[in-house]
Amino acid sequence: MSQTERPAWRVAADPDTVERDLTRLVLTLVELVRQLVERQSVRRMEQGDLTDEQIEALGVALMRLEEGMDDLCDHFGLRPQDLNLDLGPLGTLLPSND
């Protein structure tokens, strides 16, 4: 097999976009975890499982994390919509903010 031939199972990554695509994937996963933590925090707050101090600390931490995600998206030229992967017939990975 020559060097120009590639096995069919290999991904042909474009060297010009691979860094941006990898960044997009990593930020998508971080955003998914952030949203899950946020929902779990709200659930615990509504159930009365948290003290006022814990609620305040969680609120501040979640706001900072969201700001950090916004900063990272700006730095890499991504929009929040860019992080929502289309899973075909399953819909999108992240819930829409409509």
PDB file of N, CA and C in Angstrom:
ATOM      1  N   MET A   1       0.848  -1.171   0.000  1.00  0.00           N
ATOM      2  CA  MET A   1       0.000   0.000   0.000  1.00  0.00           C
ATOM      3  C   MET A   1       0.895   1.236   0.000  1.00  0.00           C
ATOM      4  N   SER A   2       0.623   2.152  -0.893  1.00  0.00           N
ATOM      5  CA  SER A   2       1.426   3.374  -0.953  1.00  0.00           C
ATOM      6  C   SER A   2       1.031   4.331   0.164  1.00  0.00           C
ATOM      7  N   GLN A   3       1.854   5.350   0.399  1.00  0.00           N
ATOM      8  CA  GLN A   3       1.586   6.309   1.460  1.00  0.00           C
ATOM      9  C   GLN A   3       0.358   7.154   1.176  1.00  0.00           C
ATOM     10  N   THR A   4      -0.013   7.317  -0.092  1.00  0.00           N
ATOM     11  CA  THR A   4      -1.182   8.139  -0.420  1.00  0.00           C
ATOM     12  C   THR A   4      -2.482   7.376  -0.229  1.00  0.00           C
ATOM     13  N   GLU A   5      -2.432   6.036  -0.208  1.00  0.00           N
ATOM     14  CA  GLU A   5      -3.627   5.232   0.024  1.00  0.00           C
ATOM     15  C   GLU A   5      -3.839   5.105   1.525  1.00  0.00           C
ATOM     16  N   ARG A   6      -5.094   5.195   1.921  1.00  0.00           N
ATOM     17  CA  ARG A   6      -5.422   5.065   3.342  1.00  0.00           C
ATOM     18  C   ARG A   6      -6.425   3.927   3.499  1.00  0.00           C
ATOM     19  N   PRO A   7      -6.326   3.181   4.590  1.00  0.00           N
ATOM     20  CA  PRO A   7      -7.365   2.177   4.840  1.00  0.00           C
ATOM     21  C   PRO A   7      -8.721   2.871   4.976  1.00  0.00           C
ATOM     22  N   ALA A   8      -9.794   2.193   4.599  1.00  0.00           N
ATOM     23  CA  ALA A   8     -11.134   2.786   4.602  1.00  0.00           C
ATOM     24  C   ALA A   8     -11.593   3.199   6.000  1.00  0.00           C
ATOM     25  N   TRP A   9     -11.084   2.571   7.065  1.00  0.00           N
ATOM     26  CA  TRP A   9     -11.542   2.861   8.415  1.00  0.00           C
ATOM     27  C   TRP A   9     -10.907   4.107   9.010  1.00  0.00           C
ATOM     28  N   ARG A  10      -9.963   4.697   8.371  1.00  0.00           N
ATOM     29  CA  ARG A  10      -9.295   5.893   8.904  1.00  0.00           C
ATOM     30  C   ARG A  10     -10.108   7.143   8.650  1.00  0.00           C
ATOM     31  N   VAL A  11     -10.050   8.050   9.597  1.00  0.00           N
ATOM     32  CA  VAL A  11     -10.713   9.343   9.448  1.00  0.00           C
ATOM     33  C   VAL A  11      -9.775  10.278   8.706  1.00  0.00           C
ATOM     34  N   ALA A  12     -10.288  10.938   7.707  1.00  0.00           N
ATOM     35  CA  ALA A  12      -9.487  11.908   6.961  1.00  0.00           C
ATOM     36  C   ALA A  12      -9.691  13.275   7.614  1.00  0.00           C
ATOM     37  N   ALA A  13      -8.858  13.594   8.578  1.00  0.00           N
ATOM     38  CA  ALA A  13      -8.967  14.858   9.302  1.00  0.00           C
ATOM     39  C   ALA A  13      -8.280  15.963   8.519  1.00  0.00           C
ATOM     40  N   ASP A  14      -8.975  17.062   8.400  1.00  0.00           N
ATOM     41  CA  ASP A  14      -8.420  18.224   7.723  1.00  0.00           C
ATOM     42  C   ASP A  14      -7.488  18.930   8.704  1.00  0.00           C
ATOM     43  N   PRO A  15      -6.196  19.002   8.410  1.00  0.00           N
ATOM     44  CA  PRO A  15      -5.245  19.611   9.344  1.00  0.00           C
ATOM     45  C   PRO A  15      -5.576  21.066   9.672  1.00  0.00           C
ATOM     46  N   ASP A  16      -6.300  21.740   8.786  1.00  0.00           N
ATOM     47  CA  ASP A  16      -6.625  23.143   9.024  1.00  0.00           C
ATOM     48  C   ASP A  16      -7.760  23.318  10.030  1.00  0.00           C
ATOM     49  N   THR A  17      -8.598  22.293  10.202  1.00  0.00           N
ATOM     50  CA  THR A  17      -9.744  22.433  11.101  1.00  0.00           C
ATOM     51  C   THR A  17      -9.726  21.479  12.279  1.00  0.00           C
ATOM     52  N   VAL A  18      -8.764  20.587  12.353  1.00  0.00           N
ATOM     53  CA  VAL A  18      -8.759  19.569  13.399  1.00  0.00           C
ATOM     54  C   VAL A  18      -8.705  20.193  14.803  1.00  0.00           C
ATOM     55  N   GLU A  19      -7.937  21.238  15.001  1.00  0.00           N
ATOM     56  CA  GLU A  19      -7.853  21.873  16.326  1.00  0.00           C
ATOM     57  C   GLU A  19      -9.203  22.480  16.712  1.00  0.00           C
ATOM     58  N   ARG A  20      -9.827  23.182  15.778  1.00  0.00           N
ATOM     59  CA  ARG A  20     -11.127  23.801  16.071  1.00  0.00           C
ATOM     60  C   ARG A  20     -12.187  22.724  16.324  1.00  0.00           C
ATOM     61  N   ASP A  21     -12.170  21.650  15.545  1.00  0.00           N
ATOM     62  CA  ASP A  21     -13.142  20.578  15.716  1.00  0.00           C
ATOM     63  C   ASP A  21     -12.961  19.876  17.061  1.00  0.00           C
ATOM     64  N   LEU A  22     -11.716  19.640  17.449  1.00  0.00           N
ATOM     65  CA  LEU A  22     -11.449  19.010  18.735  1.00  0.00           C
ATOM     66  C   LEU A  22     -11.875  19.941  19.877  1.00  0.00           C
ATOM     67  N   THR A  23     -11.587  21.221  19.743  1.00  0.00           N
ATOM     68  CA  THR A  23     -12.010  22.198  20.745  1.00  0.00           C
ATOM     69  C   THR A  23     -13.522  22.211  20.857  1.00  0.00           C
ATOM     70  N   ARG A  24     -14.192  22.181  19.737  1.00  0.00           N
ATOM     71  CA  ARG A  24     -15.656  22.168  19.723  1.00  0.00           C
ATOM     72  C   ARG A  24     -16.198  20.947  20.452  1.00  0.00           C
ATOM     73  N   LEU A  25     -15.609  19.783  20.205  1.00  0.00           N
ATOM     74  CA  LEU A  25     -16.050  18.558  20.860  1.00  0.00           C
ATOM     75  C   LEU A  25     -15.838  18.629  22.369  1.00  0.00           C
ATOM     76  N   VAL A  26     -14.664  19.076  22.798  1.00  0.00           N
ATOM     77  CA  VAL A  26     -14.370  19.168  24.227  1.00  0.00           C
ATOM     78  C   VAL A  26     -15.304  20.168  24.909  1.00  0.00           C
ATOM     79  N   LEU A  27     -15.508  21.324  24.300  1.00  0.00           N
ATOM     80  CA  LEU A  27     -16.401  22.318  24.884  1.00  0.00           C
ATOM     81  C   LEU A  27     -17.848  21.822  24.908  1.00  0.00           C
ATOM     82  N   THR A  28     -18.234  21.031  23.926  1.00  0.00           N
ATOM     83  CA  THR A  28     -19.577  20.440  23.921  1.00  0.00           C
ATOM     84  C   THR A  28     -19.759  19.525  25.121  1.00  0.00           C
ATOM     85  N   LEU A  29     -18.765  18.706  25.393  1.00  0.00           N
ATOM     86  CA  LEU A  29     -18.853  17.801  26.545  1.00  0.00           C
ATOM     87  C   LEU A  29     -18.877  18.575  27.860  1.00  0.00           C
ATOM     88  N   VAL A  30     -18.065  19.618  27.964  1.00  0.00           N
ATOM     89  CA  VAL A  30     -18.058  20.447  29.168  1.00  0.00           C
ATOM     90  C   VAL A  30     -19.421  21.118  29.344  1.00  0.00           C
ATOM     91  N   GLU A  31     -20.000  21.624  28.263  1.00  0.00           N
ATOM     92  CA  GLU A  31     -21.316  22.263  28.333  1.00  0.00           C
ATOM     93  C   GLU A  31     -22.392  21.262  28.747  1.00  0.00           C
ATOM     94  N   LEU A  32     -22.324  20.051  28.246  1.00  0.00           N
ATOM     95  CA  LEU A  32     -23.284  19.017  28.632  1.00  0.00           C
ATOM     96  C   LEU A  32     -23.198  18.750  30.136  1.00  0.00           C
ATOM     97  N   VAL A  33     -22.001  18.583  30.648  1.00  0.00           N
ATOM     98  CA  VAL A  33     -21.814  18.343  32.089  1.00  0.00           C
ATOM     99  C   VAL A  33     -22.276  19.560  32.892  1.00  0.00           C
ATOM    100  N   ARG A  34     -21.975  20.757  32.410  1.00  0.00           N
ATOM    101  CA  ARG A  34     -22.399  21.975  33.110  1.00  0.00           C
ATOM    102  C   ARG A  34     -23.920  22.024  33.234  1.00  0.00           C
ATOM    103  N   GLN A  35     -24.617  21.712  32.142  1.00  0.00           N
ATOM    104  CA  GLN A  35     -26.070  21.737  32.170  1.00  0.00           C
ATOM    105  C   GLN A  35     -26.643  20.652  33.084  1.00  0.00           C
ATOM    106  N   LEU A  36     -26.021  19.495  33.102  1.00  0.00           N
ATOM    107  CA  LEU A  36     -26.474  18.427  34.003  1.00  0.00           C
ATOM    108  C   LEU A  36     -26.288  18.821  35.464  1.00  0.00           C
ATOM    109  N   VAL A  37     -25.147  19.422  35.792  1.00  0.00           N
ATOM    110  CA  VAL A  37     -24.892  19.873  37.158  1.00  0.00           C
ATOM    111  C   VAL A  37     -25.885  20.960  37.550  1.00  0.00           C
ATOM    112  N   GLU A  38     -26.166  21.855  36.620  1.00  0.00           N
ATOM    113  CA  GLU A  38     -27.124  22.925  36.889  1.00  0.00           C
ATOM    114  C   GLU A  38     -28.509  22.353  37.187  1.00  0.00           C
ATOM    115  N   ARG A  39     -28.956  21.405  36.384  1.00  0.00           N
ATOM    116  CA  ARG A  39     -30.274  20.789  36.613  1.00  0.00           C
ATOM    117  C   ARG A  39     -30.328  20.043  37.935  1.00  0.00           C
ATOM    118  N   GLN A  40     -29.256  19.320  38.238  1.00  0.00           N
ATOM    119  CA  GLN A  40     -29.204  18.582  39.504  1.00  0.00           C
ATOM    120  C   GLN A  40     -29.208  19.552  40.680  1.00  0.00           C
ATOM    121  N   SER A  41     -28.530  20.663  40.555  1.00  0.00           N
ATOM    122  CA  SER A  41     -28.503  21.667  41.621  1.00  0.00           C
ATOM    123  C   SER A  41     -29.888  22.249  41.847  1.00  0.00           C
ATOM    124  N   VAL A  42     -30.585  22.563  40.775  1.00  0.00           N
ATOM    125  CA  VAL A  42     -31.947  23.099  40.895  1.00  0.00           C
ATOM    126  C   VAL A  42     -32.856  22.062  41.548  1.00  0.00           C
ATOM    127  N   ARG A  43     -32.738  20.818  41.142  1.00  0.00           N
ATOM    128  CA  ARG A  43     -33.544  19.739  41.722  1.00  0.00           C
ATOM    129  C   ARG A  43     -33.295  19.630  43.223  1.00  0.00           C
ATOM    130  N   ARG A  44     -32.034  19.654  43.614  1.00  0.00           N
ATOM    131  CA  ARG A  44     -31.708  19.557  45.050  1.00  0.00           C
ATOM    132  C   ARG A  44     -32.211  20.772  45.819  1.00  0.00           C
ATOM    133  N   MET A  45     -32.126  21.944  45.195  1.00  0.00           N
ATOM    134  CA  MET A  45     -32.605  23.157  45.846  1.00  0.00           C
ATOM    135  C   MET A  45     -34.123  23.068  46.053  1.00  0.00           C
ATOM    136  N   GLU A  46     -34.847  22.633  45.018  1.00  0.00           N
ATOM    137  CA  GLU A  46     -36.302  22.522  45.110  1.00  0.00           C
ATOM    138  C   GLU A  46     -36.744  21.473  46.135  1.00  0.00           C
ATOM    139  N   GLN A  47     -35.923  20.456  46.343  1.00  0.00           N
ATOM    140  CA  GLN A  47     -36.246  19.417  47.317  1.00  0.00           C
ATOM    141  C   GLN A  47     -35.875  19.834  48.741  1.00  0.00           C
ATOM    142  N   GLY A  48     -35.189  20.968  48.874  1.00  0.00           N
ATOM    143  CA  GLY A  48     -34.793  21.443  50.191  1.00  0.00           C
ATOM    144  C   GLY A  48     -33.573  20.744  50.754  1.00  0.00           C
ATOM    145  N   ASP A  49     -32.768  20.138  49.876  1.00  0.00           N
ATOM    146  CA  ASP A  49     -31.575  19.402  50.315  1.00  0.00           C
ATOM    147  C   ASP A  49     -30.374  20.304  50.584  1.00  0.00           C
ATOM    148  N   LEU A  50     -30.483  21.588  50.262  1.00  0.00           N
ATOM    149  CA  LEU A  50     -29.326  22.483  50.366  1.00  0.00           C
ATOM    150  C   LEU A  50     -29.601  23.610  51.357  1.00  0.00           C
ATOM    151  N   THR A  51     -28.545  24.013  52.041  1.00  0.00           N
ATOM    152  CA  THR A  51     -28.656  25.176  52.927  1.00  0.00           C
ATOM    153  C   THR A  51     -28.594  26.447  52.081  1.00  0.00           C
ATOM    154  N   ASP A  52     -28.934  27.572  52.677  1.00  0.00           N
ATOM    155  CA  ASP A  52     -28.854  28.849  51.959  1.00  0.00           C
ATOM    156  C   ASP A  52     -27.430  29.122  51.483  1.00  0.00           C
ATOM    157  N   GLU A  53     -26.447  28.766  52.313  1.00  0.00           N
ATOM    158  CA  GLU A  53     -25.046  28.986  51.943  1.00  0.00           C
ATOM    159  C   GLU A  53     -24.659  28.104  50.754  1.00  0.00           C
ATOM    160  N   GLN A  54     -25.128  26.868  50.738  1.00  0.00           N
ATOM    161  CA  GLN A  54     -24.826  25.961  49.636  1.00  0.00           C
ATOM    162  C   GLN A  54     -25.486  26.446  48.336  1.00  0.00           C
ATOM    163  N   ILE A  55     -26.701  26.950  48.463  1.00  0.00           N
ATOM    164  CA  ILE A  55     -27.399  27.483  47.290  1.00  0.00           C
ATOM    165  C   ILE A  55     -26.634  28.672  46.726  1.00  0.00           C
ATOM    166  N   GLU A  56     -26.198  29.557  47.603  1.00  0.00           N
ATOM    167  CA  GLU A  56     -25.432  30.741  47.166  1.00  0.00           C
ATOM    168  C   GLU A  56     -24.119  30.319  46.501  1.00  0.00           C
ATOM    169  N   ALA A  57     -23.405  29.375  47.106  1.00  0.00           N
ATOM    170  CA  ALA A  57     -22.125  28.915  46.553  1.00  0.00           C
ATOM    171  C   ALA A  57     -22.328  28.242  45.190  1.00  0.00           C
ATOM    172  N   LEU A  58     -23.362  27.427  45.079  1.00  0.00           N
ATOM    173  CA  LEU A  58     -23.639  26.780  43.800  1.00  0.00           C
ATOM    174  C   LEU A  58     -24.007  27.798  42.730  1.00  0.00           C
ATOM    175  N   GLY A  59     -24.807  28.778  43.097  1.00  0.00           N
ATOM    176  CA  GLY A  59     -25.196  29.815  42.143  1.00  0.00           C
ATOM    177  C   GLY A  59     -23.994  30.570  41.609  1.00  0.00           C
ATOM    178  N   VAL A  60     -23.094  30.939  42.501  1.00  0.00           N
ATOM    179  CA  VAL A  60     -21.883  31.665  42.090  1.00  0.00           C
ATOM    180  C   VAL A  60     -21.007  30.777  41.208  1.00  0.00           C
ATOM    181  N   ALA A  61     -20.834  29.522  41.611  1.00  0.00           N
ATOM    182  CA  ALA A  61     -19.993  28.598  40.838  1.00  0.00           C
ATOM    183  C   ALA A  61     -20.571  28.365  39.440  1.00  0.00           C
ATOM    184  N   LEU A  62     -21.880  28.192  39.356  1.00  0.00           N
ATOM    185  CA  LEU A  62     -22.505  27.958  38.050  1.00  0.00           C
ATOM    186  C   LEU A  62     -22.430  29.198  37.158  1.00  0.00           C
ATOM    187  N   MET A  63     -22.589  30.373  37.750  1.00  0.00           N
ATOM    188  CA  MET A  63     -22.458  31.609  36.960  1.00  0.00           C
ATOM    189  C   MET A  63     -21.041  31.759  36.427  1.00  0.00           C
ATOM    190  N   ARG A  64     -20.042  31.477  37.266  1.00  0.00           N
ATOM    191  CA  ARG A  64     -18.644  31.575  36.829  1.00  0.00           C
ATOM    192  C   ARG A  64     -18.330  30.557  35.736  1.00  0.00           C
ATOM    193  N   LEU A  65     -18.866  29.367  35.883  1.00  0.00           N
ATOM    194  CA  LEU A  65     -18.636  28.343  34.875  1.00  0.00           C
ATOM    195  C   LEU A  65     -19.271  28.747  33.545  1.00  0.00           C
ATOM    196  N   GLU A  66     -20.466  29.298  33.598  1.00  0.00           N
ATOM    197  CA  GLU A  66     -21.118  29.756  32.369  1.00  0.00           C
ATOM    198  C   GLU A  66     -20.332  30.903  31.728  1.00  0.00           C
ATOM    199  N   GLU A  67     -19.842  31.815  32.542  1.00  0.00           N
ATOM    200  CA  GLU A  67     -19.013  32.913  32.013  1.00  0.00           C
ATOM    201  C   GLU A  67     -17.731  32.367  31.395  1.00  0.00           C
ATOM    202  N   GLY A  68     -17.130  31.378  32.050  1.00  0.00           N
ATOM    203  CA  GLY A  68     -15.923  30.755  31.509  1.00  0.00           C
ATOM    204  C   GLY A  68     -16.179  30.076  30.179  1.00  0.00           C
ATOM    205  N   MET A  69     -17.317  29.414  30.068  1.00  0.00           N
ATOM    206  CA  MET A  69     -17.680  28.782  28.792  1.00  0.00           C
ATOM    207  C   MET A  69     -17.870  29.843  27.712  1.00  0.00           C
ATOM    208  N   ASP A  70     -18.518  30.949  28.053  1.00  0.00           N
ATOM    209  CA  ASP A  70     -18.692  32.039  27.086  1.00  0.00           C
ATOM    210  C   ASP A  70     -17.337  32.582  26.629  1.00  0.00           C
ATOM    211  N   ASP A  71     -16.426  32.751  27.585  1.00  0.00           N
ATOM    212  CA  ASP A  71     -15.082  33.252  27.248  1.00  0.00           C
ATOM    213  C   ASP A  71     -14.344  32.287  26.325  1.00  0.00           C
ATOM    214  N   LEU A  72     -14.429  30.986  26.630  1.00  0.00           N
ATOM    215  CA  LEU A  72     -13.763  29.991  25.782  1.00  0.00           C
ATOM    216  C   LEU A  72     -14.365  29.959  24.385  1.00  0.00           C
ATOM    217  N   CYS A  73     -15.685  30.049  24.305  1.00  0.00           N
ATOM    218  CA  CYS A  73     -16.330  30.079  22.986  1.00  0.00           C
ATOM    219  C   CYS A  73     -15.862  31.300  22.202  1.00  0.00           C
ATOM    220  N   ASP A  74     -15.804  32.456  22.855  1.00  0.00           N
ATOM    221  CA  ASP A  74     -15.322  33.669  22.188  1.00  0.00           C
ATOM    222  C   ASP A  74     -13.882  33.488  21.717  1.00  0.00           C
ATOM    223  N   HIS A  75     -13.048  32.937  22.588  1.00  0.00           N
ATOM    224  CA  HIS A  75     -11.627  32.754  22.273  1.00  0.00           C
ATOM    225  C   HIS A  75     -11.433  31.871  21.031  1.00  0.00           C
ATOM    226  N   PHE A  76     -12.261  30.821  20.913  1.00  0.00           N
ATOM    227  CA  PHE A  76     -12.113  29.882  19.800  1.00  0.00           C
ATOM    228  C   PHE A  76     -13.059  30.174  18.644  1.00  0.00           C
ATOM    229  N   GLY A  77     -13.756  31.303  18.704  1.00  0.00           N
ATOM    230  CA  GLY A  77     -14.640  31.691  17.612  1.00  0.00           C
ATOM    231  C   GLY A  77     -15.853  30.795  17.458  1.00  0.00           C
ATOM    232  N   LEU A  78     -16.359  30.302  18.565  1.00  0.00           N
ATOM    233  CA  LEU A  78     -17.530  29.430  18.539  1.00  0.00           C
ATOM    234  C   LEU A  78     -18.726  30.134  19.157  1.00  0.00           C
ATOM    235  N   ARG A  79     -19.898  29.766  18.683  1.00  0.00           N
ATOM    236  CA  ARG A  79     -21.147  30.264  19.268  1.00  0.00           C
ATOM    237  C   ARG A  79     -21.743  29.134  20.089  1.00  0.00           C
ATOM    238  N   PRO A  80     -22.587  29.441  21.070  1.00  0.00           N
ATOM    239  CA  PRO A  80     -23.202  28.357  21.852  1.00  0.00           C
ATOM    240  C   PRO A  80     -23.914  27.331  20.965  1.00  0.00           C
ATOM    241  N   GLN A  81     -24.535  27.784  19.866  1.00  0.00           N
ATOM    242  CA  GLN A  81     -25.207  26.852  18.958  1.00  0.00           C
ATOM    243  C   GLN A  81     -24.232  25.859  18.327  1.00  0.00           C
ATOM    244  N   ASP A  82     -22.972  26.273  18.184  1.00  0.00           N
ATOM    245  CA  ASP A  82     -21.964  25.397  17.580  1.00  0.00           C
ATOM    246  C   ASP A  82     -21.674  24.180  18.447  1.00  0.00           C
ATOM    247  N   LEU A  83     -22.021  24.265  19.734  1.00  0.00           N
ATOM    248  CA  LEU A  83     -21.726  23.172  20.657  1.00  0.00           C
ATOM    249  C   LEU A  83     -22.834  22.125  20.693  1.00  0.00           C
ATOM    250  N   ASN A  84     -23.937  22.391  20.036  1.00  0.00           N
ATOM    251  CA  ASN A  84     -25.076  21.477  20.077  1.00  0.00           C
ATOM    252  C   ASN A  84     -25.010  20.518  18.901  1.00  0.00           C
ATOM    253  N   LEU A  85     -24.494  19.332  19.147  1.00  0.00           N
ATOM    254  CA  LEU A  85     -24.312  18.341  18.099  1.00  0.00           C
ATOM    255  C   LEU A  85     -25.652  17.769  17.637  1.00  0.00           C
ATOM    256  N   ASP A  86     -25.794  17.606  16.335  1.00  0.00           N
ATOM    257  CA  ASP A  86     -26.986  17.002  15.747  1.00  0.00           C
ATOM    258  C   ASP A  86     -26.792  15.489  15.766  1.00  0.00           C
ATOM    259  N   LEU A  87     -27.683  14.793  16.455  1.00  0.00           N
ATOM    260  CA  LEU A  87     -27.587  13.343  16.579  1.00  0.00           C
ATOM    261  C   LEU A  87     -28.530  12.626  15.618  1.00  0.00           C
ATOM    262  N   GLY A  88     -28.869  13.308  14.535  1.00  0.00           N
ATOM    263  CA  GLY A  88     -29.740  12.708  13.523  1.00  0.00           C
ATOM    264  C   GLY A  88     -31.149  12.513  14.041  1.00  0.00           C
ATOM    265  N   PRO A  89     -31.675  11.291  13.928  1.00  0.00           N
ATOM    266  CA  PRO A  89     -33.065  11.058  14.321  1.00  0.00           C
ATOM    267  C   PRO A  89     -33.298  11.234  15.830  1.00  0.00           C
ATOM    268  N   LEU A  90     -32.254  11.222  16.622  1.00  0.00           N
ATOM    269  CA  LEU A  90     -32.399  11.416  18.060  1.00  0.00           C
ATOM    270  C   LEU A  90     -32.581  12.886  18.438  1.00  0.00           C
ATOM    271  N   GLY A  91     -32.294  13.776  17.507  1.00  0.00           N
ATOM    272  CA  GLY A  91     -32.383  15.207  17.802  1.00  0.00           C
ATOM    273  C   GLY A  91     -31.000  15.771  18.118  1.00  0.00           C
ATOM    274  N   THR A  92     -30.976  16.806  18.925  1.00  0.00           N
ATOM    275  CA  THR A  92     -29.707  17.444  19.281  1.00  0.00           C
ATOM    276  C   THR A  92     -29.249  16.957  20.657  1.00  0.00           C
ATOM    277  N   LEU A  93     -27.960  17.065  20.906  1.00  0.00           N
ATOM    278  CA  LEU A  93     -27.386  16.613  22.179  1.00  0.00           C
ATOM    279  C   LEU A  93     -27.871  17.473  23.328  1.00  0.00           C
ATOM    280  N   LEU A  94     -27.838  18.783  23.153  1.00  0.00           N
ATOM    281  CA  LEU A  94     -28.224  19.700  24.212  1.00  0.00           C
ATOM    282  C   LEU A  94     -29.648  20.181  23.976  1.00  0.00           C
ATOM    283  N   PRO A  95     -30.399  20.415  25.050  1.00  0.00           N
ATOM    284  CA  PRO A  95     -31.749  20.950  24.857  1.00  0.00           C
ATOM    285  C   PRO A  95     -31.665  22.361  24.281  1.00  0.00           C
ATOM    286  N   SER A  96     -32.679  22.716  23.492  1.00  0.00           N
ATOM    287  CA  SER A  96     -32.685  24.069  22.920  1.00  0.00           C
ATOM    288  C   SER A  96     -33.109  25.057  23.995  1.00  0.00           C
ATOM    289  N   ASN A  97     -32.673  26.279  23.856  1.00  0.00           N
ATOM    290  CA  ASN A  97     -32.978  27.323  24.837  1.00  0.00           C
ATOM    291  C   ASN A  97     -34.169  28.164  24.408  1.00  0.00           C
ATOM    292  N   ASP A  98     -35.090  27.572  23.675  1.00  0.00           N
ATOM    293  CA  ASP A  98     -36.257  28.312  23.187  1.00  0.00           C
ATOM    294  C   ASP A  98     -37.208  28.649  24.307  1.00  0.00           C
TER     295      ASP A  98
END
